[in-house]
């Protein structure tokens, strides 16, 4: 399975659309990943977000459920 199997092609979400998505679903129904660096994550992140810096993403894909929508920021 490759990286593209985990991310289905979708239009970008605005901040408000992402907020509504997260508000209307249970955390176990989606993957929420923060692709920033650890220092940025430590300064603040969305509740439930998994820190997965962009450079680590290819090696950590198995941590994501490919059957769930994924929001990365």
PDB file of N, CA and C in Angstrom:
ATOM      1  N   UNK A   1       0.849  -1.175   0.000  1.00  0.00           N
ATOM      2  CA  UNK A   1       0.000   0.000   0.000  1.00  0.00           C
ATOM      3  C   UNK A   1       0.893   1.235   0.000  1.00  0.00           C
ATOM      4  N   UNK A   2       0.584   2.196  -0.837  1.00  0.00           N
ATOM      5  CA  UNK A   2       1.370   3.415  -0.932  1.00  0.00           C
ATOM      6  C   UNK A   2       0.694   4.590  -0.260  1.00  0.00           C
ATOM      7  N   UNK A   3       1.393   5.692  -0.218  1.00  0.00           N
ATOM      8  CA  UNK A   3       0.897   6.894   0.452  1.00  0.00           C
ATOM      9  C   UNK A   3      -0.449   7.362  -0.110  1.00  0.00           C
ATOM     10  N   UNK A   4      -0.641   7.241  -1.400  1.00  0.00           N
ATOM     11  CA  UNK A   4      -1.884   7.723  -2.001  1.00  0.00           C
ATOM     12  C   UNK A   4      -3.091   6.886  -1.614  1.00  0.00           C
ATOM     13  N   UNK A   5      -2.868   5.664  -1.136  1.00  0.00           N
ATOM     14  CA  UNK A   5      -3.977   4.834  -0.687  1.00  0.00           C
ATOM     15  C   UNK A   5      -4.607   5.368   0.598  1.00  0.00           C
ATOM     16  N   UNK A   6      -3.869   6.176   1.322  1.00  0.00           N
ATOM     17  CA  UNK A   6      -4.370   6.712   2.591  1.00  0.00           C
ATOM     18  C   UNK A   6      -5.062   8.060   2.425  1.00  0.00           C
ATOM     19  N   UNK A   7      -4.860   8.702   1.303  1.00  0.00           N
ATOM     20  CA  UNK A   7      -5.430  10.025   1.084  1.00  0.00           C
ATOM     21  C   UNK A   7      -6.250  10.015  -0.198  1.00  0.00           C
ATOM     22  N   UNK A   8      -7.552  10.044  -0.039  1.00  0.00           N
ATOM     23  CA  UNK A   8      -8.430  10.097  -1.195  1.00  0.00           C
ATOM     24  C   UNK A   8      -8.474  11.523  -1.713  1.00  0.00           C
ATOM     25  N   UNK A   9      -8.545  11.650  -3.001  1.00  0.00           N
ATOM     26  CA  UNK A   9      -8.578  12.969  -3.607  1.00  0.00           C
ATOM     27  C   UNK A   9      -9.876  13.687  -3.234  1.00  0.00           C
ATOM     28  N   UNK A  10      -9.727  14.803  -2.581  1.00  0.00           N
ATOM     29  CA  UNK A  10     -10.879  15.620  -2.195  1.00  0.00           C
ATOM     30  C   UNK A  10     -10.503  17.082  -2.348  1.00  0.00           C
ATOM     31  N   UNK A  11     -11.512  17.905  -2.403  1.00  0.00           N
ATOM     32  CA  UNK A  11     -11.255  19.332  -2.415  1.00  0.00           C
ATOM     33  C   UNK A  11     -10.724  19.748  -1.045  1.00  0.00           C
ATOM     34  N   UNK A  12     -10.003  20.817  -1.019  1.00  0.00           N
ATOM     35  CA  UNK A  12      -9.524  21.364   0.245  1.00  0.00           C
ATOM     36  C   UNK A  12     -10.704  21.846   1.070  1.00  0.00           C
ATOM     37  N   UNK A  13     -10.530  21.786   2.366  1.00  0.00           N
ATOM     38  CA  UNK A  13     -11.550  22.294   3.275  1.00  0.00           C
ATOM     39  C   UNK A  13     -11.134  23.655   3.794  1.00  0.00           C
ATOM     40  N   UNK A  14     -12.079  24.530   3.944  1.00  0.00           N
ATOM     41  CA  UNK A  14     -11.799  25.780   4.631  1.00  0.00           C
ATOM     42  C   UNK A  14     -11.692  25.455   6.121  1.00  0.00           C
ATOM     43  N   UNK A  15     -11.207  26.396   6.887  1.00  0.00           N
ATOM     44  CA  UNK A  15     -11.119  26.191   8.330  1.00  0.00           C
ATOM     45  C   UNK A  15     -12.503  25.909   8.914  1.00  0.00           C
ATOM     46  N   UNK A  16     -13.495  26.610   8.446  1.00  0.00           N
ATOM     47  CA  UNK A  16     -14.858  26.408   8.959  1.00  0.00           C
ATOM     48  C   UNK A  16     -15.401  25.039   8.560  1.00  0.00           C
ATOM     49  N   UNK A  17     -15.145  24.598   7.345  1.00  0.00           N
ATOM     50  CA  UNK A  17     -15.589  23.272   6.908  1.00  0.00           C
ATOM     51  C   UNK A  17     -14.910  22.177   7.724  1.00  0.00           C
ATOM     52  N   UNK A  18     -13.625  22.335   7.986  1.00  0.00           N
ATOM     53  CA  UNK A  18     -12.902  21.358   8.805  1.00  0.00           C
ATOM     54  C   UNK A  18     -13.465  21.359  10.226  1.00  0.00           C
ATOM     55  N   UNK A  19     -13.745  22.526  10.764  1.00  0.00           N
ATOM     56  CA  UNK A  19     -14.316  22.648  12.104  1.00  0.00           C
ATOM     57  C   UNK A  19     -15.656  21.911  12.175  1.00  0.00           C
ATOM     58  N   UNK A  20     -16.502  22.100  11.182  1.00  0.00           N
ATOM     59  CA  UNK A  20     -17.804  21.428  11.145  1.00  0.00           C
ATOM     60  C   UNK A  20     -17.646  19.913  11.014  1.00  0.00           C
ATOM     61  N   UNK A  21     -16.709  19.494  10.157  1.00  0.00           N
ATOM     62  CA  UNK A  21     -16.446  18.063   9.984  1.00  0.00           C
ATOM     63  C   UNK A  21     -16.079  17.441  11.330  1.00  0.00           C
ATOM     64  N   UNK A  22     -15.126  18.043  12.024  1.00  0.00           N
ATOM     65  CA  UNK A  22     -14.662  17.508  13.295  1.00  0.00           C
ATOM     66  C   UNK A  22     -15.751  17.559  14.367  1.00  0.00           C
ATOM     67  N   UNK A  23     -16.571  18.576  14.308  1.00  0.00           N
ATOM     68  CA  UNK A  23     -17.626  18.769  15.294  1.00  0.00           C
ATOM     69  C   UNK A  23     -18.752  17.742  15.151  1.00  0.00           C
ATOM     70  N   UNK A  24     -18.985  17.277  13.938  1.00  0.00           N
ATOM     71  CA  UNK A  24     -20.129  16.402  13.682  1.00  0.00           C
ATOM     72  C   UNK A  24     -19.761  14.924  13.593  1.00  0.00           C
ATOM     73  N   UNK A  25     -18.515  14.578  13.896  1.00  0.00           N
ATOM     74  CA  UNK A  25     -18.069  13.188  13.840  1.00  0.00           C
ATOM     75  C   UNK A  25     -17.319  12.814  15.108  1.00  0.00           C
ATOM     76  N   UNK A  26     -17.329  11.542  15.392  1.00  0.00           N
ATOM     77  CA  UNK A  26     -16.573  11.036  16.542  1.00  0.00           C
ATOM     78  C   UNK A  26     -15.104  10.920  16.153  1.00  0.00           C
ATOM     79  N   UNK A  27     -14.183  11.181  17.063  1.00  0.00           N
ATOM     80  CA  UNK A  27     -12.754  11.115  16.744  1.00  0.00           C
ATOM     81  C   UNK A  27     -12.312   9.764  16.165  1.00  0.00           C
ATOM     82  N   UNK A  28     -12.977   8.698  16.550  1.00  0.00           N
ATOM     83  CA  UNK A  28     -12.590   7.386  16.028  1.00  0.00           C
ATOM     84  C   UNK A  28     -13.055   7.151  14.586  1.00  0.00           C
ATOM     85  N   UNK A  29     -13.800   8.111  14.035  1.00  0.00           N
ATOM     86  CA  UNK A  29     -14.305   7.976  12.668  1.00  0.00           C
ATOM     87  C   UNK A  29     -13.415   8.612  11.609  1.00  0.00           C
ATOM     88  N   UNK A  30     -12.301   9.214  12.009  1.00  0.00           N
ATOM     89  CA  UNK A  30     -11.406   9.860  11.049  1.00  0.00           C
ATOM     90  C   UNK A  30      -9.977   9.854  11.569  1.00  0.00           C
ATOM     91  N   UNK A  31      -9.046  10.090  10.664  1.00  0.00           N
ATOM     92  CA  UNK A  31      -7.631  10.270  11.009  1.00  0.00           C
ATOM     93  C   UNK A  31      -7.358  11.772  11.005  1.00  0.00           C
ATOM     94  N   UNK A  32      -6.796  12.273  12.071  1.00  0.00           N
ATOM     95  CA  UNK A  32      -6.437  13.684  12.150  1.00  0.00           C
ATOM     96  C   UNK A  32      -4.943  13.754  12.415  1.00  0.00           C
ATOM     97  N   UNK A  33      -4.193  14.241  11.431  1.00  0.00           N
ATOM     98  CA  UNK A  33      -2.743  14.290  11.597  1.00  0.00           C
ATOM     99  C   UNK A  33      -2.211  15.703  11.441  1.00  0.00           C
ATOM    100  N   UNK A  34      -1.268  15.997  12.308  1.00  0.00           N
ATOM    101  CA  UNK A  34      -0.579  17.286  12.305  1.00  0.00           C
ATOM    102  C   UNK A  34       0.795  17.032  11.694  1.00  0.00           C
ATOM    103  N   UNK A  35       1.049  17.585  10.522  1.00  0.00           N
ATOM    104  CA  UNK A  35       2.288  17.302   9.793  1.00  0.00           C
ATOM    105  C   UNK A  35       3.384  18.336  10.065  1.00  0.00           C
ATOM    106  N   UNK A  36       3.166  19.189  11.057  1.00  0.00           N
ATOM    107  CA  UNK A  36       4.172  20.189  11.399  1.00  0.00           C
ATOM    108  C   UNK A  36       5.296  19.557  12.213  1.00  0.00           C
ATOM    109  N   UNK A  37       6.243  20.353  12.594  1.00  0.00           N
ATOM    110  CA  UNK A  37       7.376  19.894  13.387  1.00  0.00           C
ATOM    111  C   UNK A  37       6.987  19.819  14.870  1.00  0.00           C
ATOM    112  N   UNK A  38       7.695  18.983  15.655  1.00  0.00           N
ATOM    113  CA  UNK A  38       7.341  18.809  17.071  1.00  0.00           C
ATOM    114  C   UNK A  38       7.199  20.107  17.861  1.00  0.00           C
ATOM    115  N   UNK A  39       8.093  21.072  17.644  1.00  0.00           N
ATOM    116  CA  UNK A  39       7.995  22.323  18.410  1.00  0.00           C
ATOM    117  C   UNK A  39       6.699  23.060  18.100  1.00  0.00           C
ATOM    118  N   UNK A  40       6.261  23.013  16.853  1.00  0.00           N
ATOM    119  CA  UNK A  40       5.002  23.661  16.487  1.00  0.00           C
ATOM    120  C   UNK A  40       3.830  22.923  17.135  1.00  0.00           C
ATOM    121  N   UNK A  41       3.878  21.602  17.108  1.00  0.00           N
ATOM    122  CA  UNK A  41       2.832  20.772  17.709  1.00  0.00           C
ATOM    123  C   UNK A  41       2.729  21.052  19.208  1.00  0.00           C
ATOM    124  N   UNK A  42       3.869  21.144  19.865  1.00  0.00           N
ATOM    125  CA  UNK A  42       3.893  21.396  21.315  1.00  0.00           C
ATOM    126  C   UNK A  42       3.293  22.737  21.678  1.00  0.00           C
ATOM    127  N   UNK A  43       3.405  23.716  20.791  1.00  0.00           N
ATOM    128  CA  UNK A  43       2.838  25.047  21.053  1.00  0.00           C
ATOM    129  C   UNK A  43       1.325  25.046  20.967  1.00  0.00           C
ATOM    130  N   UNK A  44       0.762  24.029  20.322  1.00  0.00           N
ATOM    131  CA  UNK A  44      -0.685  23.929  20.209  1.00  0.00           C
ATOM    132  C   UNK A  44      -1.084  23.092  19.016  1.00  0.00           C
ATOM    133  N   UNK A  45      -2.092  22.282  19.213  1.00  0.00           N
ATOM    134  CA  UNK A  45      -2.603  21.433  18.143  1.00  0.00           C
ATOM    135  C   UNK A  45      -4.076  21.123  18.411  1.00  0.00           C
ATOM    136  N   UNK A  46      -4.738  20.626  17.396  1.00  0.00           N
ATOM    137  CA  UNK A  46      -6.139  20.250  17.549  1.00  0.00           C
ATOM    138  C   UNK A  46      -6.242  19.031  18.468  1.00  0.00           C
ATOM    139  N   UNK A  47      -7.246  18.991  19.330  1.00  0.00           N
ATOM    140  CA  UNK A  47      -7.415  17.840  20.212  1.00  0.00           C
ATOM    141  C   UNK A  47      -7.529  16.548  19.386  1.00  0.00           C
ATOM    142  N   UNK A  48      -6.784  15.546  19.792  1.00  0.00           N
ATOM    143  CA  UNK A  48      -6.833  14.258  19.106  1.00  0.00           C
ATOM    144  C   UNK A  48      -5.901  14.123  17.922  1.00  0.00           C
ATOM    145  N   UNK A  49      -5.235  15.210  17.554  1.00  0.00           N
ATOM    146  CA  UNK A  49      -4.328  15.159  16.405  1.00  0.00           C
ATOM    147  C   UNK A  49      -3.087  14.342  16.743  1.00  0.00           C
ATOM    148  N   UNK A  50      -2.663  13.544  15.781  1.00  0.00           N
ATOM    149  CA  UNK A  50      -1.450  12.745  15.918  1.00  0.00           C
ATOM    150  C   UNK A  50      -0.323  13.509  15.245  1.00  0.00           C
ATOM    151  N   UNK A  51       0.776  13.693  15.960  1.00  0.00           N
ATOM    152  CA  UNK A  51       1.941  14.350  15.371  1.00  0.00           C
ATOM    153  C   UNK A  51       2.608  13.375  14.412  1.00  0.00           C
ATOM    154  N   UNK A  52       2.686  13.754  13.153  1.00  0.00           N
ATOM    155  CA  UNK A  52       3.300  12.942  12.123  1.00  0.00           C
ATOM    156  C   UNK A  52       3.973  13.900  11.137  1.00  0.00           C
ATOM    157  N   UNK A  53       5.166  14.412  11.505  1.00  0.00           N
ATOM    158  CA  UNK A  53       5.836  15.371  10.635  1.00  0.00           C
ATOM    159  C   UNK A  53       5.923  14.862   9.195  1.00  0.00           C
ATOM    160  N   UNK A  54       5.792  15.773   8.289  1.00  0.00           N
ATOM    161  CA  UNK A  54       5.747  15.433   6.870  1.00  0.00           C
ATOM    162  C   UNK A  54       6.877  14.507   6.450  1.00  0.00           C
ATOM    163  N   UNK A  55       8.080  14.738   6.941  1.00  0.00           N
ATOM    164  CA  UNK A  55       9.214  13.899   6.583  1.00  0.00           C
ATOM    165  C   UNK A  55       9.099  12.464   7.081  1.00  0.00           C
ATOM    166  N   UNK A  56       8.287  12.232   8.128  1.00  0.00           N
ATOM    167  CA  UNK A  56       8.099  10.901   8.692  1.00  0.00           C
ATOM    168  C   UNK A  56       6.907  10.174   8.082  1.00  0.00           C
ATOM    169  N   UNK A  57       6.084  10.892   7.362  1.00  0.00           N
ATOM    170  CA  UNK A  57       4.828  10.356   6.868  1.00  0.00           C
ATOM    171  C   UNK A  57       4.969   9.032   6.116  1.00  0.00           C
ATOM    172  N   UNK A  58       5.870   8.906   5.137  1.00  0.00           N
ATOM    173  CA  UNK A  58       5.950   7.631   4.406  1.00  0.00           C
ATOM    174  C   UNK A  58       6.214   6.420   5.303  1.00  0.00           C
ATOM    175  N   UNK A  59       7.002   6.574   6.350  1.00  0.00           N
ATOM    176  CA  UNK A  59       7.318   5.472   7.239  1.00  0.00           C
ATOM    177  C   UNK A  59       6.276   5.194   8.304  1.00  0.00           C
ATOM    178  N   UNK A  60       5.295   6.063   8.423  1.00  0.00           N
ATOM    179  CA  UNK A  60       4.308   5.918   9.496  1.00  0.00           C
ATOM    180  C   UNK A  60       2.889   5.703   9.001  1.00  0.00           C
ATOM    181  N   UNK A  61       2.732   5.485   7.716  1.00  0.00           N
ATOM    182  CA  UNK A  61       1.395   5.349   7.147  1.00  0.00           C
ATOM    183  C   UNK A  61       0.574   4.220   7.754  1.00  0.00           C
ATOM    184  N   UNK A  62       1.229   3.187   8.225  1.00  0.00           N
ATOM    185  CA  UNK A  62       0.491   2.057   8.792  1.00  0.00           C
ATOM    186  C   UNK A  62      -0.244   2.423  10.071  1.00  0.00           C
ATOM    187  N   UNK A  63       0.068   3.584  10.620  1.00  0.00           N
ATOM    188  CA  UNK A  63      -0.639   4.057  11.812  1.00  0.00           C
ATOM    189  C   UNK A  63      -2.016   4.616  11.472  1.00  0.00           C
ATOM    190  N   UNK A  64      -2.260   4.864  10.202  1.00  0.00           N
ATOM    191  CA  UNK A  64      -3.529   5.438   9.758  1.00  0.00           C
ATOM    192  C   UNK A  64      -4.446   4.356   9.212  1.00  0.00           C
ATOM    193  N   UNK A  65      -5.727   4.535   9.428  1.00  0.00           N
ATOM    194  CA  UNK A  65      -6.719   3.617   8.874  1.00  0.00           C
ATOM    195  C   UNK A  65      -7.118   4.136   7.492  1.00  0.00           C
ATOM    196  N   UNK A  66      -6.765   3.408   6.426  1.00  0.00           N
ATOM    197  CA  UNK A  66      -7.068   3.898   5.080  1.00  0.00           C
ATOM    198  C   UNK A  66      -8.559   3.918   4.756  1.00  0.00           C
ATOM    199  N   UNK A  67      -9.376   3.295   5.596  1.00  0.00           N
ATOM    200  CA  UNK A  67     -10.819   3.287   5.371  1.00  0.00           C
ATOM    201  C   UNK A  67     -11.504   4.531   5.927  1.00  0.00           C
ATOM    202  N   UNK A  68     -10.757   5.321   6.692  1.00  0.00           N
ATOM    203  CA  UNK A  68     -11.324   6.523   7.300  1.00  0.00           C
ATOM    204  C   UNK A  68     -10.846   7.755   6.560  1.00  0.00           C
ATOM    205  N   UNK A  69     -11.668   8.809   6.550  1.00  0.00           N
ATOM    206  CA  UNK A  69     -11.202  10.074   5.972  1.00  0.00           C
ATOM    207  C   UNK A  69     -10.001  10.581   6.783  1.00  0.00           C
ATOM    208  N   UNK A  70      -9.084  11.226   6.106  1.00  0.00           N
ATOM    209  CA  UNK A  70      -7.908  11.773   6.759  1.00  0.00           C
ATOM    210  C   UNK A  70      -7.854  13.286   6.568  1.00  0.00           C
ATOM    211  N   UNK A  71      -7.677  13.982   7.676  1.00  0.00           N
ATOM    212  CA  UNK A  71      -7.475  15.421   7.624  1.00  0.00           C
ATOM    213  C   UNK A  71      -6.053  15.672   8.096  1.00  0.00           C
ATOM    214  N   UNK A  72      -5.282  16.323   7.254  1.00  0.00           N
ATOM    215  CA  UNK A  72      -3.905  16.655   7.589  1.00  0.00           C
ATOM    216  C   UNK A  72      -3.770  18.173   7.587  1.00  0.00           C
ATOM    217  N   UNK A  73      -3.053  18.671   8.560  1.00  0.00           N
ATOM    218  CA  UNK A  73      -2.791  20.116   8.602  1.00  0.00           C
ATOM    219  C   UNK A  73      -1.403  20.369   9.107  1.00  0.00           C
TER     220      UNK A  73
END
